[in-house]
Amino acid sequence: MRLWVRGVFAVLGIALVSAPGTSSACTTCHQTPCAMAPAPASAYQCVTEMVPYTVNRVVQRVQWQPVIETVMVKQANVTFVDQQRTVCRPVVDTTYVSRTITVCRPVCETTMVTQNVTVCRPVTTTCQVTEYCLQPTTQLVTVPTVSHACGHCGKVAPACGHTTVAKTCLTPVPVVRDVQVTRMVPEVQTRQVPVTTTRIVSESKTIQVPVTNCRIVSEVITQKIPVTTFHCVPKTITRQVPVPVCETVAETCYRPVTRMVPVVCAPAPAPVYSAPQAAPSGQSAPSSQAAPSTQG
C-alpha cells in the first residue's frame, strides 16, 4: 500500500513538472523562471533514501522491591545446674623410719721411713800423661858422588868423590802434660721417704628412710552442668524480591524509500579574462602574480 501511494505521488510530481504553463521556483538558483538551462524531461534518476520512523515496543525489565517478613528464629538458652558426685582420688603419705647401718670408710695414714740410697758423685783428679811428638831435626851427612856434566857449559865438573848433604828427619820427643780425669764414686746416703697406708674402718650410722603409703580417699564435689534449651523468637527481616515491570520504549528505525529525482546539470563555466600582452620588447612587464604582492 505504501509503495503504491509513493508511486502515485511520484507520477503526480512528474506531471506537474512537465505540465506546460506551470511555473515554480528553481531549487538550485531559486528564480522563476529558472535562469539555468532546463534539463531534458527524461533526465531523472532513481534514488533510495533511508527514512527514519519511530516504533514503540514493550520492554520487560526486573525491578527489586523490598519485602518485610517476620520469621521465627531458633535461640539457645544455656543454664548451669549444680550436680554433686563422689570421686575417689589417691592420697600419698610419706613417713620416715630410723635405720642403723654399718658403713666402711677408708682411713689413710702416712709415716716417714728411713731409707739408704746409693748415690754416685763425680770426683775430678789431675794426672800427668807422657806423650811423644814428632819434631823435625836437620843433620849433615857425607854421601859419595859421581862426576857429571855441568848443566851450563856441558863440561865435567871436578869432584873428590864425597859430598856433604843436609838431611831432615822426624825424631820422637817425649812431652809431659796434665790431664783432668773425672770418675764417679759411689756413696751411701740416708733419706726420709713418706709411706702411705690405707685401712678400712667400719662404723655404725643412723639414717632416716622414707616410707611411702598410698591410700584412696573419696570426696563429694559439686559441678556445674550446662543445660541448653531452645525457643523460637520472631525476627523481622527485609529481603529484595525481583518483580518484572513492563515499559514502552520508543525506537527509531529506518526504511528504504525509492523516489525519482531530476538530474541537475552543472552551470556553464564563466569566461576567464586574460590581460593583453602589450609590453615592449626591451622591457619585461610585471606578471599578474607579482602585482598584488608589490601593492601589499
Protein backbone atom coordinates (compact mmCIF):
# COMPACT_ATOMS: atom_id res chain seq x y z
CA MET A 1 0.00 0.00 0.00
CA ARG A 2 2.77 2.42 0.90
CA LEU A 3 4.65 1.67 -2.32
CA TRP A 4 1.51 2.28 -4.33
CA VAL A 5 0.99 5.69 -2.65
CA ARG A 6 4.61 6.61 -3.30
CA GLY A 7 4.25 5.69 -6.97
CA VAL A 8 1.13 7.87 -7.27
CA PHE A 9 2.88 10.87 -5.73
CA ALA A 10 5.88 10.40 -7.99
CA VAL A 11 3.71 10.33 -11.09
CA LEU A 12 1.83 13.46 -9.98
CA GLY A 13 5.12 15.27 -9.36
CA ILE A 14 6.43 14.39 -12.78
CA ALA A 15 3.17 15.53 -14.37
CA LEU A 16 3.30 18.87 -12.54
CA VAL A 17 6.89 19.49 -13.54
CA SER A 18 6.33 18.56 -17.17
CA ALA A 19 2.92 20.33 -17.47
CA PRO A 20 3.06 23.47 -19.70
CA GLY A 21 2.13 26.80 -18.21
CA THR A 22 3.08 25.80 -14.65
CA SER A 23 5.95 27.82 -13.12
CA SER A 24 7.74 27.07 -9.86
CA ALA A 25 10.87 28.36 -8.21
CA CYS A 26 14.06 26.50 -9.11
CA THR A 27 15.62 24.56 -6.27
CA THR A 28 19.14 25.49 -7.47
CA CYS A 29 19.03 29.21 -8.47
CA HIS A 30 15.77 29.99 -6.59
CA GLN A 31 14.43 32.09 -9.52
CA THR A 32 11.23 31.93 -11.53
CA PRO A 33 11.65 31.05 -14.31
CA CYS A 34 14.92 29.15 -13.82
CA ALA A 35 17.93 31.02 -15.07
CA MET A 36 19.82 27.79 -15.65
CA ALA A 37 19.43 25.69 -18.73
CA PRO A 38 16.34 23.44 -18.43
CA ALA A 39 17.07 19.77 -18.04
CA PRO A 40 15.58 17.41 -20.50
CA ALA A 41 12.37 15.71 -19.49
CA SER A 42 13.98 12.31 -19.46
CA ALA A 43 16.85 13.34 -17.03
CA TYR A 44 15.55 11.64 -13.88
CA GLN A 45 17.29 9.11 -11.65
CA CYS A 46 16.04 6.68 -9.06
CA VAL A 47 17.33 7.47 -5.52
CA THR A 48 16.87 5.25 -2.44
CA GLU A 49 16.82 7.08 0.89
CA MET A 50 16.63 5.73 4.44
CA VAL A 51 13.66 7.42 6.07
CA PRO A 52 13.55 7.31 9.89
CA TYR A 53 10.36 6.37 11.72
CA THR A 54 9.56 5.77 15.39
CA VAL A 55 8.29 2.44 16.71
CA ASN A 56 7.02 1.91 20.26
CA ARG A 57 7.71 -1.53 21.73
CA VAL A 58 7.16 -3.01 25.17
CA VAL A 59 10.33 -3.97 27.10
CA GLN A 60 10.29 -6.03 30.26
CA ARG A 61 12.85 -5.27 32.97
CA VAL A 62 13.44 -6.59 36.50
CA GLN A 63 12.87 -4.27 39.44
CA TRP A 64 13.82 -5.16 43.01
CA GLN A 65 11.24 -4.44 45.68
CA PRO A 66 11.91 -4.72 49.43
CA VAL A 67 9.63 -7.18 51.23
CA ILE A 68 9.41 -7.15 55.03
CA GLU A 69 8.75 -10.55 56.58
CA THR A 70 8.59 -11.92 60.09
CA VAL A 71 10.30 -15.26 60.59
CA MET A 72 10.86 -17.44 63.64
CA VAL A 73 14.49 -17.82 64.65
CA LYS A 74 15.72 -20.54 66.98
CA GLN A 75 17.55 -19.13 70.02
CA ALA A 76 19.54 -21.18 72.54
CA ASN A 77 19.46 -20.59 76.31
CA VAL A 78 22.24 -22.14 78.41
CA THR A 79 21.71 -22.62 82.14
CA PHE A 80 24.03 -24.26 84.66
CA VAL A 81 22.71 -26.78 87.17
CA ASP A 82 24.64 -27.81 90.30
CA GLN A 83 25.26 -31.54 90.48
CA GLN A 84 27.10 -33.42 93.21
CA ARG A 85 29.05 -36.60 92.68
CA THR A 86 31.51 -38.71 94.61
CA VAL A 87 35.01 -39.15 93.28
CA CYS A 88 37.95 -41.20 94.55
CA ARG A 89 41.42 -39.74 94.50
CA PRO A 90 44.74 -41.20 95.70
CA VAL A 91 46.48 -39.66 98.70
CA VAL A 92 50.19 -40.38 99.25
CA ASP A 93 51.51 -40.32 102.85
CA THR A 94 55.26 -40.30 103.47
CA THR A 95 56.73 -41.32 106.87
CA TYR A 96 60.37 -41.52 107.92
CA VAL A 97 61.76 -44.57 109.77
CA SER A 98 65.14 -44.61 111.57
CA ARG A 99 67.51 -47.35 110.42
CA THR A 100 71.03 -48.22 111.66
CA ILE A 101 73.53 -49.26 109.02
CA THR A 102 77.23 -50.16 109.08
CA VAL A 103 79.41 -48.08 106.89
CA CYS A 104 83.02 -48.88 105.96
CA ARG A 105 85.20 -45.89 105.26
CA PRO A 106 88.90 -45.76 104.29
CA VAL A 107 91.45 -44.18 106.65
CA CYS A 108 94.82 -43.13 105.18
CA GLU A 109 97.95 -42.84 107.40
CA THR A 110 101.35 -41.50 106.30
CA THR A 111 104.64 -42.40 108.09
CA MET A 112 108.23 -41.39 107.33
CA VAL A 113 110.65 -44.33 106.79
CA THR A 114 114.46 -44.08 106.74
CA GLN A 115 115.90 -45.44 103.50
CA ASN A 116 119.55 -45.89 102.41
CA VAL A 117 120.23 -44.84 98.85
CA THR A 118 123.47 -45.32 96.89
CA VAL A 119 124.41 -42.15 95.07
CA CYS A 120 127.28 -41.73 92.58
CA ARG A 121 129.05 -38.42 92.77
CA PRO A 122 131.73 -37.18 90.32
CA VAL A 123 135.36 -36.85 91.54
CA THR A 124 137.90 -34.98 89.40
CA THR A 125 141.68 -35.73 89.70
CA THR A 126 144.73 -34.38 87.87
CA CYS A 127 147.33 -36.79 86.45
CA GLN A 128 150.43 -36.38 84.23
CA VAL A 129 150.50 -38.10 80.89
CA THR A 130 153.66 -38.53 78.77
CA GLU A 131 153.15 -38.23 75.02
CA TYR A 132 155.62 -38.45 72.14
CA CYS A 133 155.58 -35.82 69.45
CA LEU A 134 157.49 -35.98 66.13
CA GLN A 135 159.78 -32.98 65.71
CA PRO A 136 161.90 -32.35 62.55
CA THR A 137 165.75 -32.35 63.03
CA THR A 138 168.44 -31.50 60.42
CA GLN A 139 171.80 -33.32 60.18
CA LEU A 140 174.82 -33.00 57.84
CA VAL A 141 175.60 -36.31 56.14
CA THR A 142 178.51 -37.17 53.77
CA VAL A 143 177.44 -39.19 50.76
CA PRO A 144 179.51 -40.48 47.77
CA THR A 145 179.05 -38.63 44.47
CA VAL A 146 179.60 -39.42 40.75
CA SER A 147 181.12 -36.95 38.23
CA HIS A 148 178.54 -35.41 35.99
CA ALA A 149 178.41 -32.81 33.28
CA CYS A 150 177.67 -29.21 34.11
CA GLY A 151 174.26 -28.08 33.14
CA HIS A 152 175.53 -24.73 31.80
CA CYS A 153 178.76 -25.40 29.93
CA GLY A 154 178.50 -29.12 29.41
CA LYS A 155 181.98 -29.86 30.87
CA VAL A 156 182.72 -32.41 33.53
CA ALA A 157 182.90 -30.81 36.98
CA PRO A 158 185.84 -31.76 39.13
CA ALA A 159 184.87 -33.82 42.20
CA CYS A 160 186.62 -35.53 45.05
CA GLY A 161 184.17 -38.41 45.27
CA HIS A 162 182.20 -37.38 48.54
CA THR A 163 179.64 -34.61 49.19
CA THR A 164 178.17 -33.23 52.47
CA VAL A 165 174.32 -33.08 52.32
CA ALA A 166 171.75 -31.69 54.90
CA LYS A 167 169.31 -34.43 55.98
CA THR A 168 165.96 -33.68 57.76
CA CYS A 169 164.40 -36.40 59.95
CA LEU A 170 161.38 -36.63 62.31
CA THR A 171 162.51 -37.50 65.83
CA PRO A 172 160.02 -38.53 68.56
CA VAL A 173 160.30 -36.20 71.58
CA PRO A 174 158.56 -37.03 74.94
CA VAL A 175 156.09 -34.36 76.22
CA VAL A 176 154.52 -34.38 79.71
CA ARG A 177 151.10 -32.66 80.24
CA ASP A 178 148.41 -32.53 82.95
CA VAL A 179 145.09 -34.24 82.25
CA GLN A 180 141.82 -33.75 84.24
CA VAL A 181 140.18 -37.13 84.90
CA THR A 182 136.56 -37.30 86.24
CA ARG A 183 135.24 -40.56 87.69
CA MET A 184 132.03 -41.47 89.53
CA VAL A 185 132.48 -42.52 93.16
CA PRO A 186 129.56 -44.39 94.79
CA GLU A 187 128.49 -43.41 98.29
CA VAL A 188 125.59 -44.34 100.60
CA GLN A 189 123.16 -41.61 101.74
CA THR A 190 120.24 -41.74 104.17
CA ARG A 191 116.88 -40.04 103.44
CA GLN A 192 113.31 -39.99 104.80
CA VAL A 193 110.72 -41.48 102.46
CA PRO A 194 106.93 -40.99 103.12
CA VAL A 195 104.93 -44.24 103.17
CA THR A 196 101.10 -44.08 102.99
CA THR A 197 98.96 -46.92 104.30
CA THR A 198 95.19 -47.24 103.89
CA ARG A 199 92.94 -49.20 106.24
CA ILE A 200 89.18 -49.75 106.28
CA VAL A 201 87.31 -48.68 109.42
CA SER A 202 83.70 -49.81 109.98
CA GLU A 203 81.28 -47.58 111.89
CA SER A 204 77.54 -47.52 112.64
CA LYS A 205 75.33 -44.78 111.25
CA THR A 206 71.65 -43.96 111.75
CA ILE A 207 69.71 -42.67 108.73
CA GLN A 208 66.08 -41.68 108.07
CA VAL A 209 64.45 -43.86 105.42
CA PRO A 210 61.25 -42.51 103.75
CA VAL A 211 58.31 -44.94 103.62
CA THR A 212 55.51 -44.08 101.15
CA ASN A 213 51.93 -45.23 101.74
CA CYS A 214 49.20 -44.65 99.12
CA ARG A 215 45.51 -44.65 100.11
CA ILE A 216 42.26 -43.89 98.27
CA VAL A 217 40.08 -41.09 99.65
CA SER A 218 36.50 -40.49 98.47
CA GLU A 219 35.10 -36.97 98.42
CA VAL A 220 31.97 -35.21 97.18
CA ILE A 221 32.43 -32.47 94.61
CA THR A 222 29.90 -30.10 93.04
CA GLN A 223 29.96 -29.50 89.31
CA LYS A 224 28.21 -27.01 87.05
CA ILE A 225 26.35 -28.95 84.35
CA PRO A 226 25.28 -26.85 81.33
CA VAL A 227 21.67 -27.38 80.18
CA THR A 228 20.77 -25.98 76.76
CA THR A 229 17.16 -25.19 75.80
CA PHE A 230 15.89 -23.79 72.53
CA HIS A 231 12.92 -21.50 71.87
CA CYS A 232 11.71 -19.62 68.80
CA VAL A 233 11.83 -15.82 68.68
CA PRO A 234 10.13 -13.72 65.96
CA LYS A 235 12.51 -11.67 63.87
CA THR A 236 11.72 -9.11 61.16
CA ILE A 237 13.85 -9.31 58.04
CA THR A 238 13.84 -7.33 54.79
CA ARG A 239 14.67 -9.06 51.55
CA GLN A 240 14.73 -7.92 47.95
CA VAL A 241 12.25 -9.63 45.62
CA PRO A 242 12.62 -9.34 41.83
CA VAL A 243 9.45 -8.00 40.15
CA PRO A 244 9.10 -7.86 36.32
CA VAL A 245 7.99 -4.42 35.07
CA CYS A 246 6.80 -3.66 31.50
CA GLU A 247 7.54 -0.28 29.96
CA THR A 248 7.15 1.23 26.50
CA VAL A 249 10.38 2.27 24.74
CA ALA A 250 10.45 4.41 21.59
CA GLU A 251 12.90 3.17 18.96
CA THR A 252 13.96 4.86 15.77
CA CYS A 253 14.02 2.59 12.74
CA TYR A 254 14.94 3.27 9.13
CA ARG A 255 13.17 2.05 5.99
CA PRO A 256 14.36 2.47 2.41
CA VAL A 257 12.27 4.86 0.21
CA THR A 258 12.81 4.96 -3.54
CA ARG A 259 11.88 8.12 -5.49
CA MET A 260 12.62 9.75 -8.81
CA VAL A 261 14.84 12.87 -8.61
CA PRO A 262 15.53 15.14 -11.57
CA VAL A 263 19.17 15.42 -12.64
CA VAL A 264 20.52 18.99 -12.31
CA CYS A 265 23.10 19.91 -14.93
CA ALA A 266 26.20 21.79 -13.94
CA PRO A 267 26.17 25.53 -14.85
CA ALA A 268 28.23 26.74 -17.80
CA PRO A 269 31.70 27.92 -16.80
CA ALA A 270 32.19 31.71 -16.63
CA PRO A 271 34.53 33.29 -19.22
CA VAL A 272 38.05 33.87 -17.97
CA TYR A 273 39.54 37.34 -18.67
CA SER A 274 43.15 37.34 -19.86
CA ALA A 275 45.21 40.57 -19.75
CA PRO A 276 46.67 41.70 -23.12
CA GLN A 277 50.45 41.36 -23.56
CA ALA A 278 51.43 44.86 -24.81
CA ALA A 279 54.84 45.17 -23.13
CA PRO A 280 57.78 46.46 -25.24
CA SER A 281 60.36 44.03 -26.46
CA GLY A 282 63.17 45.68 -24.49
CA GLN A 283 61.49 45.65 -21.09
CA SER A 284 59.66 42.84 -19.44
CA ALA A 285 56.24 43.71 -17.99
CA PRO A 286 55.47 42.63 -14.40
CA SER A 287 53.49 39.46 -14.19
CA SER A 288 49.92 39.34 -12.95
CA GLN A 289 51.04 37.30 -9.87
CA ALA A 290 53.73 39.82 -8.82
CA ALA A 291 51.46 42.86 -8.96
CA PRO A 292 49.37 42.11 -5.86
CA SER A 293 52.47 41.31 -3.76
CA THR A 294 54.02 44.69 -4.71
CA GLN A 295 50.93 46.58 -3.69
CA GLY A 296 50.69 44.78 -0.46
